[in-house]
């Protein structure tokens, strides 16, 4: 006689155990292939029954098991069924198992098998799925086009937050929408309009082959400055501005290397000797992301009639730059958005310039440097 019993702790200090009783297994989800199934008693038993069950567990071959549990009968037919199905018996508490659904699935119909597979397929779909999530670097890697800038995007970038009312510049009164808890709120309608105007300026200068300089010297602005300059095929500056770099360029920038390019920005060699006597080039447009720290740069640009674009907060002077963009210059996300949009505008201008060059149209005049010096010209001059 085989009996399996287990002890389980209940919530009210009462124990229950599991008694093996012969029962025909018809479910495919049973834990074994024998005719003996485990029935679990979920309600508490009296102390006498618990002790009697413990005694049966100590002596599994006790002869009075049939008398104490009338529903239990001999397990010999079950052992014969095990022998017929080649299922190993329990020996020394270790049981070697086989495929639990091997014999039951043979007795199941096709509809029941399909139902089980359908339930398994639906179970795989249970759980959390990660959908769209916020990526802060998206504005830096993939900035939007000027046409895709909306008021919601500017609001999410914190472009509307200004400084305290005690730090404001009265010349920014036309850009201020109102006051919220002692802080000036910038009008996003004005910000969007000035940003679109600055994009048209950048696109026009890039379309005519101008040099664009992006300057941002605050901490964290180096990546957006470099990416915007790459898109615009221009230059970047994230170190402090050297005073006199424009007003005294023939001394400070005399060691800078110049190169000659064609309408497709391809290098043309052979002009090294002519470039050695040329003065340093000055940018055609300067985009300053933090005008308060770079007022020297903006002052030199004004002396040399170089147009400028800058982010003007409520504490800055909008007359320092040619094309102001009222926005929050302390928010890194706002700065990345504006720099990326301006870089996209310059990229569109360069693309338009290349398409016009394919048609043979050039909107700018090239410097006359003469014919490039090649090996043939050098040999003719020597001969």
Protein backbone atom coordinates (compact mmCIF):
# COMPACT_ATOMS: atom_id res chain seq x y z
CA UNK A 1 0.00 0.00 0.00
CA UNK A 2 1.40 3.35 -1.01
CA UNK A 3 0.42 6.54 0.81
CA UNK A 4 1.84 10.03 0.43
CA UNK A 5 1.27 12.59 3.11
CA UNK A 6 2.48 16.18 3.59
CA UNK A 7 2.15 18.76 6.36
CA UNK A 8 1.15 22.39 5.79
CA UNK A 9 0.90 25.26 8.25
CA UNK A 10 -2.46 27.03 8.37
CA UNK A 11 -3.28 30.58 9.49
CA UNK A 12 -4.85 29.50 12.81
CA UNK A 13 -2.09 27.16 14.02
CA UNK A 14 -3.91 24.18 12.50
CA UNK A 15 -2.30 21.67 10.22
CA UNK A 16 -3.58 19.65 7.37
CA UNK A 17 -2.06 16.86 5.40
CA UNK A 18 -2.49 15.26 2.03
CA UNK A 19 -3.77 11.74 1.73
CA UNK A 20 -3.35 9.64 -1.37
CA UNK A 21 -6.64 8.24 -2.58
CA UNK A 22 -7.25 6.29 -5.75
CA UNK A 23 -8.95 8.44 -8.34
CA UNK A 24 -9.05 8.23 -12.09
CA UNK A 25 -6.95 10.96 -13.70
CA UNK A 26 -8.74 12.52 -16.68
CA UNK A 27 -7.18 15.98 -16.81
CA UNK A 28 -4.10 16.49 -19.05
CA UNK A 29 -2.68 18.90 -16.48
CA UNK A 30 -2.16 16.24 -13.76
CA UNK A 31 1.22 15.85 -12.20
CA UNK A 32 1.59 12.15 -12.98
CA UNK A 33 0.38 9.33 -15.20
CA UNK A 34 -0.74 6.90 -12.52
CA UNK A 35 -4.24 6.25 -11.29
CA UNK A 36 -3.42 7.60 -7.84
CA UNK A 37 -3.98 11.37 -7.56
CA UNK A 38 -3.24 13.66 -4.66
CA UNK A 39 -6.25 15.25 -2.99
CA UNK A 40 -5.42 18.24 -0.81
CA UNK A 41 -7.44 18.87 2.35
CA UNK A 42 -7.78 22.67 2.68
CA UNK A 43 -9.74 22.65 5.92
CA UNK A 44 -8.31 21.87 9.32
CA UNK A 45 -8.64 18.35 10.70
CA UNK A 46 -9.14 17.41 14.33
CA UNK A 47 -6.09 16.69 16.43
CA UNK A 48 -6.94 12.96 16.56
CA UNK A 49 -7.05 12.74 12.77
CA UNK A 50 -3.79 14.69 12.52
CA UNK A 51 -2.06 12.29 14.90
CA UNK A 52 -3.51 9.27 13.13
CA UNK A 53 -2.33 10.61 9.80
CA UNK A 54 1.13 11.20 11.25
CA UNK A 55 1.22 7.58 12.44
CA UNK A 56 0.26 6.42 8.95
CA UNK A 57 3.06 8.51 7.54
CA UNK A 58 5.54 6.80 9.87
CA UNK A 59 4.34 3.36 8.79
CA UNK A 60 3.07 3.52 5.19
CA UNK A 61 2.38 -0.27 5.17
CA UNK A 62 0.09 -0.09 8.19
CA UNK A 63 -2.74 -2.53 7.74
CA UNK A 64 -5.44 -0.36 9.32
CA UNK A 65 -5.33 2.29 6.60
CA UNK A 66 -8.31 0.74 4.86
CA UNK A 67 -10.30 0.70 8.12
CA UNK A 68 -9.55 4.33 9.04
CA UNK A 69 -10.36 5.71 5.58
CA UNK A 70 -13.31 3.84 4.11
CA UNK A 71 -12.95 5.50 0.70
CA UNK A 72 -9.47 4.06 0.23
CA UNK A 73 -9.20 0.60 -1.28
CA UNK A 74 -6.36 -1.56 -2.40
CA UNK A 75 -3.79 -0.06 -4.69
CA UNK A 76 -3.01 -3.30 -6.50
CA UNK A 77 -5.03 -2.34 -9.61
CA UNK A 78 -3.13 0.91 -9.68
CA UNK A 79 0.15 -0.94 -9.54
CA UNK A 80 -1.00 -3.20 -12.35
CA UNK A 81 -1.96 -0.15 -14.41
CA UNK A 82 1.51 1.27 -13.74
CA UNK A 83 3.07 -1.93 -14.95
CA UNK A 84 0.94 -1.82 -18.09
CA UNK A 85 1.95 1.78 -18.79
CA UNK A 86 5.60 1.24 -17.91
CA UNK A 87 5.57 3.98 -15.28
CA UNK A 88 8.26 3.63 -12.61
CA UNK A 89 7.18 3.26 -8.99
CA UNK A 90 8.26 5.42 -6.06
CA UNK A 91 11.41 4.06 -4.48
CA UNK A 92 13.09 5.55 -1.41
CA UNK A 93 11.32 8.88 -1.89
CA UNK A 94 12.88 9.50 -5.33
CA UNK A 95 10.62 9.36 -8.36
CA UNK A 96 11.83 9.21 -11.92
CA UNK A 97 9.29 10.98 -14.10
CA UNK A 98 8.40 10.65 -17.73
CA UNK A 99 6.44 12.89 -20.05
CA UNK A 100 3.36 13.90 -17.98
CA UNK A 101 1.13 14.40 -21.01
CA UNK A 102 2.32 11.48 -23.04
CA UNK A 103 -0.49 9.06 -22.17
CA UNK A 104 -3.23 11.61 -21.50
CA UNK A 105 -2.89 13.46 -24.83
CA UNK A 106 -3.37 10.19 -26.70
CA UNK A 107 -6.82 9.91 -25.13
CA UNK A 108 -7.75 13.56 -25.84
CA UNK A 109 -9.64 14.71 -28.87
CA UNK A 110 -8.30 17.13 -31.45
CA UNK A 111 -10.60 19.87 -30.20
CA UNK A 112 -9.20 19.58 -26.66
CA UNK A 113 -5.63 19.67 -27.95
CA UNK A 114 -6.37 22.77 -30.04
CA UNK A 115 -7.98 24.40 -27.00
CA UNK A 116 -4.87 23.76 -24.92
CA UNK A 117 -2.62 25.21 -27.60
CA UNK A 118 -4.90 28.24 -27.89
CA UNK A 119 -4.66 28.86 -24.15
CA UNK A 120 -0.87 28.54 -24.27
CA UNK A 121 -0.68 31.05 -27.14
CA UNK A 122 -2.82 33.53 -25.24
CA UNK A 123 -0.69 33.06 -22.14
CA UNK A 124 2.42 34.23 -23.98
CA UNK A 125 0.75 37.59 -24.57
CA UNK A 126 0.30 38.26 -20.86
CA UNK A 127 2.67 40.84 -19.41
CA UNK A 128 3.85 44.40 -19.80
CA UNK A 129 4.93 45.68 -23.19
CA UNK A 130 7.20 48.71 -23.48
CA UNK A 131 5.82 51.16 -26.03
CA UNK A 132 6.92 54.66 -26.90
CA UNK A 133 9.00 56.26 -24.18
CA UNK A 134 10.73 59.59 -23.72
CA UNK A 135 14.29 59.85 -25.00
CA UNK A 136 15.97 63.13 -24.01
CA UNK A 137 18.66 62.77 -26.68
CA UNK A 138 16.14 62.68 -29.54
CA UNK A 139 16.22 66.47 -29.93
CA UNK A 140 19.99 66.30 -30.07
CA UNK A 141 20.35 63.43 -32.54
CA UNK A 142 17.25 64.02 -34.67
CA UNK A 143 16.19 67.67 -34.35
CA UNK A 144 12.92 68.69 -36.00
CA UNK A 145 12.62 70.72 -39.18
CA UNK A 146 11.61 74.39 -38.93
CA UNK A 147 8.14 73.51 -40.23
CA UNK A 148 7.66 70.91 -37.47
CA UNK A 149 8.17 73.34 -34.58
CA UNK A 150 4.94 73.74 -32.61
CA UNK A 151 3.92 75.59 -29.49
CA UNK A 152 3.55 72.26 -27.66
CA UNK A 153 7.17 71.39 -28.46
CA UNK A 154 8.37 74.78 -27.24
CA UNK A 155 6.29 74.42 -24.09
CA UNK A 156 7.70 70.94 -23.40
CA UNK A 157 11.21 72.34 -23.84
CA UNK A 158 10.58 74.97 -21.13
CA UNK A 159 11.11 77.79 -23.58
CA UNK A 160 8.51 79.96 -21.85
CA UNK A 161 10.22 80.24 -18.46
CA UNK A 162 12.00 83.52 -17.82
CA UNK A 163 13.80 85.01 -14.85
CA UNK A 164 12.52 86.70 -11.73
CA UNK A 165 10.72 89.98 -12.17
CA UNK A 166 13.48 91.77 -10.27
CA UNK A 167 16.07 90.73 -12.90
CA UNK A 168 14.19 91.61 -16.05
CA UNK A 169 15.31 93.97 -18.77
CA UNK A 170 12.57 96.48 -19.64
CA UNK A 171 13.43 96.18 -23.32
CA UNK A 172 11.97 92.65 -23.26
CA UNK A 173 8.50 93.86 -22.31
CA UNK A 174 7.14 93.13 -25.81
CA UNK A 175 8.22 89.46 -25.49
CA UNK A 176 6.67 88.81 -22.05
CA UNK A 177 3.25 87.20 -21.81
CA UNK A 178 2.68 87.60 -18.07
CA UNK A 179 3.91 86.86 -14.55
CA UNK A 180 3.52 83.59 -12.69
CA UNK A 181 4.66 83.33 -9.05
CA UNK A 182 7.15 86.14 -9.47
CA UNK A 183 8.62 84.77 -12.74
CA UNK A 184 8.16 86.28 -16.17
CA UNK A 185 6.51 84.02 -18.75
CA UNK A 186 7.70 84.43 -22.35
CA UNK A 187 5.07 84.40 -25.08
CA UNK A 188 5.52 81.25 -27.15
CA UNK A 189 3.77 82.83 -30.12
CA UNK A 190 6.51 85.46 -30.27
CA UNK A 191 9.18 82.79 -29.78
CA UNK A 192 7.86 80.68 -32.66
CA UNK A 193 7.61 83.71 -34.97
CA UNK A 194 11.16 84.88 -34.24
CA UNK A 195 12.49 81.33 -34.59
CA UNK A 196 10.93 80.96 -38.05
CA UNK A 197 12.42 84.30 -39.11
CA UNK A 198 15.87 83.22 -37.90
CA UNK A 199 15.51 79.94 -39.82
CA UNK A 200 14.82 81.84 -43.04
CA UNK A 201 17.92 83.94 -42.46
CA UNK A 202 20.10 80.87 -41.82
CA UNK A 203 18.70 79.04 -44.84
CA UNK A 204 19.32 82.04 -47.11
CA UNK A 205 22.93 82.45 -46.00
CA UNK A 206 23.64 78.72 -46.40
CA UNK A 207 22.02 78.75 -49.84
CA UNK A 208 24.50 81.44 -50.94
CA UNK A 209 27.53 79.60 -49.58
CA UNK A 210 28.09 81.70 -46.47
CA UNK A 211 30.15 80.77 -43.41
CA UNK A 212 28.07 80.14 -40.28
CA UNK A 213 29.56 80.07 -36.78
CA UNK A 214 27.74 78.41 -33.85
CA UNK A 215 28.91 79.63 -30.43
CA UNK A 216 27.83 78.11 -27.10
CA UNK A 217 30.20 78.27 -24.17
CA UNK A 218 28.02 77.05 -21.29
CA UNK A 219 28.38 73.62 -19.74
CA UNK A 220 26.46 70.98 -21.68
CA UNK A 221 26.10 72.99 -24.90
CA UNK A 222 29.11 71.50 -26.67
CA UNK A 223 27.28 68.53 -28.19
CA UNK A 224 24.40 70.52 -29.64
CA UNK A 225 26.80 73.15 -30.96
CA UNK A 226 28.94 70.54 -32.73
CA UNK A 227 25.93 68.70 -34.20
CA UNK A 228 24.36 71.91 -35.47
CA UNK A 229 27.64 72.95 -37.09
CA UNK A 230 27.93 69.56 -38.79
CA UNK A 231 24.46 69.85 -40.28
CA UNK A 232 25.14 73.40 -41.44
CA UNK A 233 28.64 72.55 -42.76
CA UNK A 234 29.86 75.45 -40.68
CA UNK A 235 32.05 76.04 -37.65
CA UNK A 236 31.54 75.73 -33.92
CA UNK A 237 32.91 77.35 -30.78
CA UNK A 238 32.35 76.00 -27.26
CA UNK A 239 35.43 77.57 -25.61
CA UNK A 240 35.54 81.13 -24.28
CA UNK A 241 35.80 83.71 -27.02
CA UNK A 242 39.25 85.20 -27.52
CA UNK A 243 38.89 89.01 -27.53
CA UNK A 244 40.09 90.55 -30.77
CA UNK A 245 39.53 87.44 -32.89
CA UNK A 246 37.56 89.57 -35.38
CA UNK A 247 38.88 93.09 -34.83
CA UNK A 248 42.49 91.88 -34.76
CA UNK A 249 42.04 88.81 -36.96
CA UNK A 250 45.22 89.35 -39.01
CA UNK A 251 47.27 88.68 -35.85
CA UNK A 252 45.16 86.16 -33.95
CA UNK A 253 43.91 84.11 -36.91
CA UNK A 254 46.95 84.39 -39.15
CA UNK A 255 47.88 80.74 -38.54
CA UNK A 256 44.47 79.44 -39.54
CA UNK A 257 44.50 77.28 -42.64
CA UNK A 258 42.42 78.27 -45.66
CA UNK A 259 41.22 76.08 -48.50
CA UNK A 260 39.52 76.55 -51.85
CA UNK A 261 36.36 74.63 -52.68
CA UNK A 262 34.06 74.47 -55.69
CA UNK A 263 30.28 74.83 -55.79
CA UNK A 264 29.93 71.30 -54.37
CA UNK A 265 32.29 72.00 -51.42
CA UNK A 266 35.03 69.84 -52.91
CA UNK A 267 38.63 70.84 -52.26
CA UNK A 268 40.61 72.34 -55.15
CA UNK A 269 44.35 71.88 -54.60
CA UNK A 270 47.05 74.10 -56.03
CA UNK A 271 46.17 77.44 -54.41
CA UNK A 272 48.37 77.17 -51.34
CA UNK A 273 50.73 79.95 -52.42
CA UNK A 274 47.89 82.36 -53.21
CA UNK A 275 46.12 81.63 -49.93
CA UNK A 276 49.23 82.47 -47.94
CA UNK A 277 48.79 86.18 -48.77
CA UNK A 278 45.05 86.37 -48.14
CA UNK A 279 43.60 87.81 -44.92
CA UNK A 280 41.65 85.49 -42.60
CA UNK A 281 38.02 84.94 -43.48
CA UNK A 282 35.27 86.27 -41.25
CA UNK A 283 31.96 84.50 -40.66
CA UNK A 284 28.89 85.62 -42.56
CA UNK A 285 26.59 84.75 -39.64
CA UNK A 286 27.16 84.11 -35.93
CA UNK A 287 24.62 82.15 -33.88
CA UNK A 288 25.19 82.72 -30.15
CA UNK A 289 23.35 80.47 -27.70
CA UNK A 290 24.34 82.38 -24.54
CA UNK A 291 24.73 86.11 -25.29
CA UNK A 292 25.32 87.13 -21.65
CA UNK A 293 28.67 85.35 -21.50
CA UNK A 294 29.67 86.29 -25.08
CA UNK A 295 28.93 89.98 -25.19
CA UNK A 296 32.50 90.58 -26.43
CA UNK A 297 31.82 88.35 -29.44
CA UNK A 298 28.59 90.19 -30.20
CA UNK A 299 30.30 93.57 -29.85
CA UNK A 300 33.03 92.60 -32.33
CA UNK A 301 30.42 91.28 -34.74
CA UNK A 302 28.66 94.63 -34.58
CA UNK A 303 31.90 96.47 -35.34
CA UNK A 304 32.61 94.22 -38.35
CA UNK A 305 28.96 94.30 -39.57
CA UNK A 306 28.50 90.56 -39.06
CA UNK A 307 24.80 89.64 -38.49
CA UNK A 308 24.06 87.68 -35.33
CA UNK A 309 21.30 85.43 -33.97
CA UNK A 310 20.97 84.89 -30.24
CA UNK A 311 18.70 83.42 -27.57
CA UNK A 312 17.46 86.34 -25.51
CA UNK A 313 16.14 85.67 -22.03
CA UNK A 314 14.20 88.20 -19.95
CA UNK A 315 17.42 89.44 -18.30
CA UNK A 316 19.35 90.04 -21.56
CA UNK A 317 19.45 93.01 -23.90
CA UNK A 318 17.74 92.20 -27.22
CA UNK A 319 19.67 94.96 -29.01
CA UNK A 320 22.91 92.98 -28.69
CA UNK A 321 21.95 90.69 -31.57
CA UNK A 322 20.51 91.34 -35.01
CA UNK A 323 17.82 88.63 -34.90
CA UNK A 324 16.78 87.86 -31.30
CA UNK A 325 14.92 84.68 -30.32
CA UNK A 326 13.14 85.22 -26.98
CA UNK A 327 13.44 81.96 -25.07
CA UNK A 328 14.88 80.38 -21.95
CA UNK A 329 18.66 80.21 -22.36
CA UNK A 330 19.09 78.37 -19.02
CA UNK A 331 17.22 75.27 -20.20
CA UNK A 332 19.55 72.86 -21.97
CA UNK A 333 16.64 71.21 -23.74
CA UNK A 334 15.46 74.56 -25.11
CA UNK A 335 18.96 75.38 -26.32
CA UNK A 336 19.27 71.98 -28.01
CA UNK A 337 15.94 72.47 -29.74
CA UNK A 338 16.77 75.93 -31.10
CA UNK A 339 20.29 74.94 -32.17
CA UNK A 340 19.00 71.80 -33.90
CA UNK A 341 16.24 73.68 -35.74
CA UNK A 342 18.71 76.30 -36.97
CA UNK A 343 21.07 73.53 -38.06
CA UNK A 344 18.24 71.87 -40.00
CA UNK A 345 17.47 75.18 -41.69
CA UNK A 346 21.10 75.52 -42.79
CA UNK A 347 21.03 71.92 -44.01
CA UNK A 348 18.02 72.68 -46.19
CA UNK A 349 19.81 75.74 -47.58
CA UNK A 350 22.88 73.69 -48.48
CA UNK A 351 20.72 71.07 -50.15
CA UNK A 352 19.05 73.76 -52.23
CA UNK A 353 22.45 75.17 -53.17
CA UNK A 354 23.67 71.78 -54.39
CA UNK A 355 20.55 71.30 -56.49
CA UNK A 356 21.07 74.70 -58.09
CA UNK A 357 24.73 73.84 -58.75
CA UNK A 358 23.62 70.74 -60.63
CA UNK A 359 21.57 73.02 -62.88
CA UNK A 360 24.55 75.32 -63.35
CA UNK A 361 23.26 78.16 -61.14
CA UNK A 362 25.56 79.82 -58.60
CA UNK A 363 24.22 82.60 -56.37
CA UNK A 364 27.55 83.82 -55.00
CA UNK A 365 30.72 85.17 -56.59
CA UNK A 366 33.92 83.25 -56.04
CA UNK A 367 37.20 84.92 -55.28
CA UNK A 368 39.44 85.13 -58.32
CA UNK A 369 42.60 83.27 -57.37
CA UNK A 370 43.78 82.42 -60.86
CA UNK A 371 44.64 78.99 -62.15
CA UNK A 372 45.82 76.41 -59.62
CA UNK A 373 49.51 75.52 -59.73
CA UNK A 374 50.00 71.92 -60.85
CA UNK A 375 53.06 69.91 -61.74
CA UNK A 376 52.77 70.89 -65.41
CA UNK A 377 52.63 74.62 -64.68
CA UNK A 378 55.56 74.36 -62.28
CA UNK A 379 57.69 72.51 -64.91
CA UNK A 380 56.84 75.08 -67.59
CA UNK A 381 57.84 77.95 -65.29
CA UNK A 382 61.11 76.20 -64.46
CA UNK A 383 61.87 75.48 -68.16
